[in-house]
Amino acid sequence: MKRVKLRFTLKLEVEFVDRDRGIRHVYELAEKGTRFPVVVFGPEGCGKTAWLRQAVEVLKEQGFDSIYIDVLSKEHIAYTDVKEVVDRISDVVADVTGYSPIKLADLAILLANKLLKRWRKKKIALLIDEVFQAIGLDRAEAYVKMLLNLIEYPPESYENIVIIVATSEGLSRWRIGRHRWAEITPMWNMSERGFEELYEKIPGPKPSFEEIWRLAGGNPSVFFTAIPS
């Protein structure tokens, strides 16, 4: 498995570590697909984005045409040979005057539909980061239902489809949980072993691991605010 490099500061990139169980789950999803959209909740900075970025690499290696979009930061990855899909995402992200998070979130579903309409595109993956914070709580339930419709009522038949949404927004968990439209999965901070592996990859002076573990409790975001820049 190719491990992605994640940028934490302007001068620091770190290779993805830990989350072995989470990565095994991605392989399982690649094999069986998602019967419902998988909605991953967890505290801010716990590593959801890093996991999604690694997941899109895994799904690419498993033969999926894959789209990853971070709606808040406008970052995206598209692994597909359908040029129209790549161009549409790039155009929306680059639009500094007419851009809106809702526009990008809706585009993700539209482009997944386009991929499904291509008869050769039988394995599709859509991974969306921080979408509920971007589009607002009032649209969270409807958005998950649209993702479910993509699975249940596709424009063409498919071999497999994987849809994962990650968010730090807690209230939407209750709203989405009122329906049977999603598989809700928690993600917590890193294990002590994995956190120590990350700690060892950080060059330069830094507090002792025991002190960092006490301060951050396995949260990478807290870790990087605690070390000298």
C-alpha atoms as a PDB file:
ATOM      1  CA  MET A   1       0.000   0.000   0.000  1.00  0.00           C
ATOM      2  CA  LYS A   2       1.339   3.402  -0.970  1.00  0.00           C
ATOM      3  CA  ARG A   3       1.375   5.662   2.084  1.00  0.00           C
ATOM      4  CA  VAL A   4       0.436   9.289   1.470  1.00  0.00           C
ATOM      5  CA  LYS A   5       2.496  12.185   2.772  1.00  0.00           C
ATOM      6  CA  LEU A   6       0.542  14.705   4.816  1.00  0.00           C
ATOM      7  CA  ARG A   7       1.535  18.344   5.143  1.00  0.00           C
ATOM      8  CA  PHE A   8       1.262  19.633   8.714  1.00  0.00           C
ATOM      9  CA  THR A   9       3.252  22.857   8.313  1.00  0.00           C
ATOM     10  CA  LEU A  10       4.906  24.673   5.416  1.00  0.00           C
ATOM     11  CA  LYS A  11       8.155  22.824   6.123  1.00  0.00           C
ATOM     12  CA  LEU A  12       6.896  19.512   7.440  1.00  0.00           C
ATOM     13  CA  GLU A  13       5.425  16.535   5.604  1.00  0.00           C
ATOM     14  CA  VAL A  14       4.854  13.267   7.446  1.00  0.00           C
ATOM     15  CA  GLU A  15       4.039   9.856   6.025  1.00  0.00           C
ATOM     16  CA  PHE A  16       0.701   8.364   7.080  1.00  0.00           C
ATOM     17  CA  VAL A  17       1.053   6.096  10.109  1.00  0.00           C
ATOM     18  CA  ASP A  18      -1.194   3.983  12.360  1.00  0.00           C
ATOM     19  CA  ARG A  19      -4.924   3.462  11.744  1.00  0.00           C
ATOM     20  CA  ASP A  20      -4.309  -0.179  10.826  1.00  0.00           C
ATOM     21  CA  ARG A  21      -7.835  -1.114  11.797  1.00  0.00           C
ATOM     22  CA  GLY A  22      -9.258   1.801   9.820  1.00  0.00           C
ATOM     23  CA  ILE A  23      -7.273   0.845   6.718  1.00  0.00           C
ATOM     24  CA  ARG A  24      -8.385  -2.779   7.011  1.00  0.00           C
ATOM     25  CA  HIS A  25     -11.947  -1.454   7.060  1.00  0.00           C
ATOM     26  CA  VAL A  26     -11.296   0.394   3.776  1.00  0.00           C
ATOM     27  CA  TYR A  27     -10.113  -2.858   2.189  1.00  0.00           C
ATOM     28  CA  GLU A  28     -13.294  -4.534   3.434  1.00  0.00           C
ATOM     29  CA  LEU A  29     -15.412  -1.761   1.941  1.00  0.00           C
ATOM     30  CA  ALA A  30     -13.531  -2.068  -1.352  1.00  0.00           C
ATOM     31  CA  GLU A  31     -14.488  -5.748  -1.434  1.00  0.00           C
ATOM     32  CA  LYS A  32     -18.148  -5.534  -0.423  1.00  0.00           C
ATOM     33  CA  GLY A  33     -19.075  -1.878  -1.030  1.00  0.00           C
ATOM     34  CA  THR A  34     -21.248   0.344   1.143  1.00  0.00           C
ATOM     35  CA  ARG A  35     -24.907  -0.564   1.528  1.00  0.00           C
ATOM     36  CA  PHE A  36     -25.391   2.846   3.163  1.00  0.00           C
ATOM     37  CA  PRO A  37     -23.164   5.929   3.120  1.00  0.00           C
ATOM     38  CA  VAL A  38     -20.572   5.584   5.896  1.00  0.00           C
ATOM     39  CA  VAL A  39     -20.610   8.731   8.071  1.00  0.00           C
ATOM     40  CA  VAL A  40     -17.458   8.986  10.219  1.00  0.00           C
ATOM     41  CA  PHE A  41     -17.595  11.248  13.269  1.00  0.00           C
ATOM     42  CA  GLY A  42     -14.699  12.214  15.514  1.00  0.00           C
ATOM     43  CA  PRO A  43     -13.122  15.085  17.439  1.00  0.00           C
ATOM     44  CA  GLU A  44     -11.387  17.837  15.506  1.00  0.00           C
ATOM     45  CA  GLY A  45      -7.810  16.974  14.652  1.00  0.00           C
ATOM     46  CA  CYS A  46      -8.091  13.247  15.431  1.00  0.00           C
ATOM     47  CA  GLY A  47      -6.958  12.216  11.944  1.00  0.00           C
ATOM     48  CA  LYS A  48     -10.112  11.806   9.858  1.00  0.00           C
ATOM     49  CA  THR A  49      -8.714  13.767   6.924  1.00  0.00           C
ATOM     50  CA  ALA A  50      -5.448  11.815   6.974  1.00  0.00           C
ATOM     51  CA  TRP A  51      -7.425   8.564   6.991  1.00  0.00           C
ATOM     52  CA  LEU A  52      -9.602   9.697   4.069  1.00  0.00           C
ATOM     53  CA  ARG A  53      -6.561  10.706   2.040  1.00  0.00           C
ATOM     54  CA  GLN A  54      -5.003   7.303   2.666  1.00  0.00           C
ATOM     55  CA  ALA A  55      -8.329   5.610   1.906  1.00  0.00           C
ATOM     56  CA  VAL A  56      -8.544   7.209  -1.531  1.00  0.00           C
ATOM     57  CA  GLU A  57      -5.115   5.750  -2.356  1.00  0.00           C
ATOM     58  CA  VAL A  58      -6.226   2.289  -1.209  1.00  0.00           C
ATOM     59  CA  LEU A  59      -9.389   2.487  -3.297  1.00  0.00           C
ATOM     60  CA  LYS A  60      -7.421   3.636  -6.332  1.00  0.00           C
ATOM     61  CA  GLU A  61      -5.145   0.604  -5.955  1.00  0.00           C
ATOM     62  CA  GLN A  62      -8.248  -1.589  -5.766  1.00  0.00           C
ATOM     63  CA  GLY A  63      -9.415  -0.360  -9.162  1.00  0.00           C
ATOM     64  CA  PHE A  64     -11.910   2.300  -8.140  1.00  0.00           C
ATOM     65  CA  ASP A  65     -12.453   5.575  -9.947  1.00  0.00           C
ATOM     66  CA  SER A  66     -12.145   7.704  -6.823  1.00  0.00           C
ATOM     67  CA  ILE A  67     -13.053  11.273  -5.885  1.00  0.00           C
ATOM     68  CA  TYR A  68     -11.978  12.916  -2.614  1.00  0.00           C
ATOM     69  CA  ILE A  69     -13.215  16.422  -1.778  1.00  0.00           C
ATOM     70  CA  ASP A  70     -12.604  18.510   1.342  1.00  0.00           C
ATOM     71  CA  VAL A  71     -15.506  20.918   1.048  1.00  0.00           C
ATOM     72  CA  LEU A  72     -14.230  23.410   3.630  1.00  0.00           C
ATOM     73  CA  SER A  73     -10.655  23.722   2.360  1.00  0.00           C
ATOM     74  CA  LYS A  74     -11.526  23.146  -1.339  1.00  0.00           C
ATOM     75  CA  GLU A  75      -8.856  20.465  -1.625  1.00  0.00           C
ATOM     76  CA  HIS A  76      -9.552  17.540  -3.917  1.00  0.00           C
ATOM     77  CA  ILE A  77      -8.126  14.370  -5.437  1.00  0.00           C
ATOM     78  CA  ALA A  78      -9.627  12.726  -8.508  1.00  0.00           C
ATOM     79  CA  TYR A  79      -8.368   9.365  -9.739  1.00  0.00           C
ATOM     80  CA  THR A  80     -10.200   8.815 -13.001  1.00  0.00           C
ATOM     81  CA  ASP A  81      -9.466   8.983 -16.710  1.00  0.00           C
ATOM     82  CA  VAL A  82     -12.734  10.839 -17.324  1.00  0.00           C
ATOM     83  CA  LYS A  83     -11.313  14.284 -18.046  1.00  0.00           C
ATOM     84  CA  GLU A  84     -14.674  16.006 -17.650  1.00  0.00           C
ATOM     85  CA  VAL A  85     -14.826  14.997 -13.985  1.00  0.00           C
ATOM     86  CA  VAL A  86     -11.350  16.320 -13.232  1.00  0.00           C
ATOM     87  CA  ASP A  87     -11.999  19.562 -15.111  1.00  0.00           C
ATOM     88  CA  ARG A  88     -15.331  20.254 -13.411  1.00  0.00           C
ATOM     89  CA  ILE A  89     -13.866  19.923  -9.921  1.00  0.00           C
ATOM     90  CA  SER A  90     -10.893  22.100 -10.813  1.00  0.00           C
ATOM     91  CA  ASP A  91     -13.133  24.783 -12.324  1.00  0.00           C
ATOM     92  CA  VAL A  92     -15.412  25.008  -9.285  1.00  0.00           C
ATOM     93  CA  VAL A  93     -12.503  25.096  -6.830  1.00  0.00           C
ATOM     94  CA  ALA A  94     -10.733  27.785  -8.863  1.00  0.00           C
ATOM     95  CA  ASP A  95     -13.831  30.014  -9.095  1.00  0.00           C
ATOM     96  CA  VAL A  96     -13.037  32.748  -6.570  1.00  0.00           C
ATOM     97  CA  THR A  97     -16.182  34.778  -7.295  1.00  0.00           C
ATOM     98  CA  GLY A  98     -18.966  32.220  -7.596  1.00  0.00           C
ATOM     99  CA  TYR A  99     -17.693  29.471  -5.291  1.00  0.00           C
ATOM    100  CA  SER A 100     -19.855  28.144  -2.486  1.00  0.00           C
ATOM    101  CA  PRO A 101     -19.399  25.033  -0.328  1.00  0.00           C
ATOM    102  CA  ILE A 102     -22.884  23.833  -1.230  1.00  0.00           C
ATOM    103  CA  LYS A 103     -22.000  24.060  -4.922  1.00  0.00           C
ATOM    104  CA  LEU A 104     -18.937  21.858  -4.419  1.00  0.00           C
ATOM    105  CA  ALA A 105     -20.811  19.390  -2.208  1.00  0.00           C
ATOM    106  CA  ASP A 106     -23.579  18.998  -4.795  1.00  0.00           C
ATOM    107  CA  LEU A 107     -21.003  18.694  -7.567  1.00  0.00           C
ATOM    108  CA  ALA A 108     -19.504  15.652  -5.833  1.00  0.00           C
ATOM    109  CA  ILE A 109     -22.790  13.773  -6.203  1.00  0.00           C
ATOM    110  CA  LEU A 110     -23.271  14.971  -9.783  1.00  0.00           C
ATOM    111  CA  LEU A 111     -19.817  13.773 -10.811  1.00  0.00           C
ATOM    112  CA  ALA A 112     -20.297  10.388  -9.151  1.00  0.00           C
ATOM    113  CA  ASN A 113     -23.456  10.054 -11.249  1.00  0.00           C
ATOM    114  CA  LYS A 114     -21.478  10.895 -14.374  1.00  0.00           C
ATOM    115  CA  LEU A 115     -18.942   8.202 -13.579  1.00  0.00           C
ATOM    116  CA  LEU A 116     -21.696   5.647 -13.059  1.00  0.00           C
ATOM    117  CA  LYS A 117     -23.176   6.509 -16.461  1.00  0.00           C
ATOM    118  CA  ARG A 118     -19.940   5.509 -18.161  1.00  0.00           C
ATOM    119  CA  TRP A 119     -20.429   1.829 -18.937  1.00  0.00           C
ATOM    120  CA  ARG A 120     -16.772   1.032 -18.207  1.00  0.00           C
ATOM    121  CA  LYS A 121     -16.863   2.672 -14.773  1.00  0.00           C
ATOM    122  CA  LYS A 122     -18.113  -0.129 -12.564  1.00  0.00           C
ATOM    123  CA  LYS A 123     -16.252   0.653  -9.327  1.00  0.00           C
ATOM    124  CA  ILE A 124     -16.815   4.142  -7.943  1.00  0.00           C
ATOM    125  CA  ALA A 125     -15.634   5.716  -4.667  1.00  0.00           C
ATOM    126  CA  LEU A 126     -16.751   9.087  -3.300  1.00  0.00           C
ATOM    127  CA  LEU A 127     -15.085  10.463  -0.142  1.00  0.00           C
ATOM    128  CA  ILE A 128     -16.249  13.811   1.229  1.00  0.00           C
ATOM    129  CA  ASP A 129     -14.634  15.670   4.137  1.00  0.00           C
ATOM    130  CA  GLU A 130     -16.322  18.150   6.523  1.00  0.00           C
ATOM    131  CA  VAL A 131     -19.397  18.496   4.358  1.00  0.00           C
ATOM    132  CA  PHE A 132     -21.966  19.152   7.102  1.00  0.00           C
ATOM    133  CA  GLN A 133     -20.044  22.069   8.538  1.00  0.00           C
ATOM    134  CA  ALA A 134     -19.812  23.489   5.036  1.00  0.00           C
ATOM    135  CA  ILE A 135     -23.413  23.113   3.868  1.00  0.00           C
ATOM    136  CA  GLY A 136     -25.151  23.685   7.215  1.00  0.00           C
ATOM    137  CA  LEU A 137     -27.053  21.416   9.585  1.00  0.00           C
ATOM    138  CA  ASP A 138     -30.350  22.093   7.871  1.00  0.00           C
ATOM    139  CA  ARG A 139     -29.098  20.250   4.786  1.00  0.00           C
ATOM    140  CA  ALA A 140     -27.295  17.366   6.503  1.00  0.00           C
ATOM    141  CA  GLU A 141     -30.164  14.883   6.408  1.00  0.00           C
ATOM    142  CA  ALA A 142     -31.137  15.673   2.824  1.00  0.00           C
ATOM    143  CA  TYR A 143     -27.526  15.376   1.691  1.00  0.00           C
ATOM    144  CA  VAL A 144     -27.119  11.919   3.241  1.00  0.00           C
ATOM    145  CA  LYS A 145     -30.379  10.846   1.583  1.00  0.00           C
ATOM    146  CA  MET A 146     -29.015  11.985  -1.801  1.00  0.00           C
ATOM    147  CA  LEU A 147     -25.909   9.883  -1.200  1.00  0.00           C
ATOM    148  CA  LEU A 148     -28.083   6.899  -0.317  1.00  0.00           C
ATOM    149  CA  ASN A 149     -30.099   7.417  -3.504  1.00  0.00           C
ATOM    150  CA  LEU A 150     -26.848   7.245  -5.450  1.00  0.00           C
ATOM    151  CA  ILE A 151     -26.312   3.758  -4.011  1.00  0.00           C
ATOM    152  CA  GLU A 152     -29.893   2.515  -4.270  1.00  0.00           C
ATOM    153  CA  TYR A 153     -31.021   4.167  -7.515  1.00  0.00           C
ATOM    154  CA  PRO A 154     -27.915   4.575  -9.702  1.00  0.00           C
ATOM    155  CA  PRO A 155     -28.251   5.791 -13.298  1.00  0.00           C
ATOM    156  CA  GLU A 156     -26.536   2.560 -14.424  1.00  0.00           C
ATOM    157  CA  SER A 157     -25.668  -0.734 -12.769  1.00  0.00           C
ATOM    158  CA  TYR A 158     -22.290  -0.964 -11.061  1.00  0.00           C
ATOM    159  CA  GLU A 159     -19.942  -3.588  -9.688  1.00  0.00           C
ATOM    160  CA  ASN A 160     -19.186  -1.761  -6.451  1.00  0.00           C
ATOM    161  CA  ILE A 161     -19.576   1.638  -4.844  1.00  0.00           C
ATOM    162  CA  VAL A 162     -18.008   3.137  -1.721  1.00  0.00           C
ATOM    163  CA  ILE A 163     -19.284   6.380  -0.179  1.00  0.00           C
ATOM    164  CA  ILE A 164     -17.676   7.821   2.956  1.00  0.00           C
ATOM    165  CA  VAL A 165     -18.391  11.154   4.639  1.00  0.00           C
ATOM    166  CA  ALA A 166     -16.298  12.489   7.541  1.00  0.00           C
ATOM    167  CA  THR A 167     -17.182  15.331   9.886  1.00  0.00           C
ATOM    168  CA  SER A 168     -16.282  16.874  13.237  1.00  0.00           C
ATOM    169  CA  GLU A 169     -19.745  18.378  13.590  1.00  0.00           C
ATOM    170  CA  GLY A 170     -21.531  16.572  16.412  1.00  0.00           C
ATOM    171  CA  LEU A 171     -25.140  17.718  16.237  1.00  0.00           C
ATOM    172  CA  SER A 172     -25.593  16.347  12.719  1.00  0.00           C
ATOM    173  CA  ARG A 173     -24.938  12.874  14.134  1.00  0.00           C
ATOM    174  CA  TRP A 174     -28.200  13.067  16.042  1.00  0.00           C
ATOM    175  CA  ARG A 175     -30.097  14.403  13.047  1.00  0.00           C
ATOM    176  CA  ILE A 176     -28.776  11.771  10.652  1.00  0.00           C
ATOM    177  CA  GLY A 177     -29.217   9.041  13.255  1.00  0.00           C
ATOM    178  CA  ARG A 178     -32.975   9.615  13.281  1.00  0.00           C
ATOM    179  CA  HIS A 179     -33.110   7.870   9.901  1.00  0.00           C
ATOM    180  CA  ARG A 180     -31.810   4.591   8.523  1.00  0.00           C
ATOM    181  CA  TRP A 181     -29.916   6.354   5.784  1.00  0.00           C
ATOM    182  CA  ALA A 182     -26.315   5.930   6.917  1.00  0.00           C
ATOM    183  CA  GLU A 183     -23.865   3.736   8.792  1.00  0.00           C
ATOM    184  CA  ILE A 184     -22.533   5.963  11.572  1.00  0.00           C
ATOM    185  CA  THR A 185     -18.982   5.142  12.658  1.00  0.00           C
ATOM    186  CA  PRO A 186     -16.846   6.872  15.329  1.00  0.00           C
ATOM    187  CA  MET A 187     -13.161   7.694  14.969  1.00  0.00           C
ATOM    188  CA  TRP A 188     -11.103   8.633  18.019  1.00  0.00           C
ATOM    189  CA  ASN A 189      -7.585   9.882  18.597  1.00  0.00           C
ATOM    190  CA  MET A 190      -4.579   7.729  17.703  1.00  0.00           C
ATOM    191  CA  SER A 191      -3.477   4.810  19.831  1.00  0.00           C
ATOM    192  CA  GLU A 192      -0.432   5.352  22.026  1.00  0.00           C
ATOM    193  CA  ARG A 193       1.658   3.064  19.810  1.00  0.00           C
ATOM    194  CA  GLY A 194       0.633   4.858  16.634  1.00  0.00           C
ATOM    195  CA  PHE A 195       1.044   8.265  18.238  1.00  0.00           C
ATOM    196  CA  GLU A 196       4.578   7.352  19.287  1.00  0.00           C
ATOM    197  CA  GLU A 197       5.323   6.256  15.721  1.00  0.00           C
ATOM    198  CA  LEU A 198       4.173   9.675  14.516  1.00  0.00           C
ATOM    199  CA  TYR A 199       6.240  11.352  17.240  1.00  0.00           C
ATOM    200  CA  GLU A 200       9.390   9.562  16.061  1.00  0.00           C
ATOM    201  CA  LYS A 201       8.891  10.843  12.516  1.00  0.00           C
ATOM    202  CA  ILE A 202       8.996  14.501  13.603  1.00  0.00           C
ATOM    203  CA  PRO A 203      12.536  15.915  13.218  1.00  0.00           C
ATOM    204  CA  GLY A 204      14.150  18.569  15.385  1.00  0.00           C
ATOM    205  CA  PRO A 205      13.708  19.510  19.052  1.00  0.00           C
ATOM    206  CA  LYS A 206      10.430  18.601  20.720  1.00  0.00           C
ATOM    207  CA  PRO A 207       9.114  17.830  24.205  1.00  0.00           C
ATOM    208  CA  SER A 208       9.415  14.288  25.512  1.00  0.00           C
ATOM    209  CA  PHE A 209       6.900  11.749  24.238  1.00  0.00           C
ATOM    210  CA  GLU A 210       5.411  11.390  27.725  1.00  0.00           C
ATOM    211  CA  GLU A 211       4.722  15.128  27.883  1.00  0.00           C
ATOM    212  CA  ILE A 212       3.249  15.244  24.377  1.00  0.00           C
ATOM    213  CA  TRP A 213       1.060  12.211  25.094  1.00  0.00           C
ATOM    214  CA  ARG A 214      -0.191  13.846  28.289  1.00  0.00           C
ATOM    215  CA  LEU A 215      -1.018  17.085  26.445  1.00  0.00           C
ATOM    216  CA  ALA A 216      -2.426  15.682  23.229  1.00  0.00           C
ATOM    217  CA  GLY A 217      -3.842  12.306  24.247  1.00  0.00           C
ATOM    218  CA  GLY A 218      -3.283  10.951  20.753  1.00  0.00           C
ATOM    219  CA  ASN A 219      -4.705  13.972  18.870  1.00  0.00           C
ATOM    220  CA  PRO A 220      -2.276  14.878  16.051  1.00  0.00           C
ATOM    221  CA  SER A 221      -3.599  18.425  15.738  1.00  0.00           C
ATOM    222  CA  VAL A 222      -2.868  19.174  19.395  1.00  0.00           C
ATOM    223  CA  PHE A 223       0.538  17.525  18.952  1.00  0.00           C
ATOM    224  CA  PHE A 224       1.596  19.917  16.205  1.00  0.00           C
ATOM    225  CA  THR A 225       0.496  22.989  18.130  1.00  0.00           C
ATOM    226  CA  ALA A 226       2.636  21.828  21.060  1.00  0.00           C
ATOM    227  CA  ILE A 227       5.938  21.467  19.207  1.00  0.00           C
ATOM    228  CA  PRO A 228       8.185  24.349  18.032  1.00  0.00           C
ATOM    229  CA  SER A 229       7.416  25.502  14.473  1.00  0.00           C
END
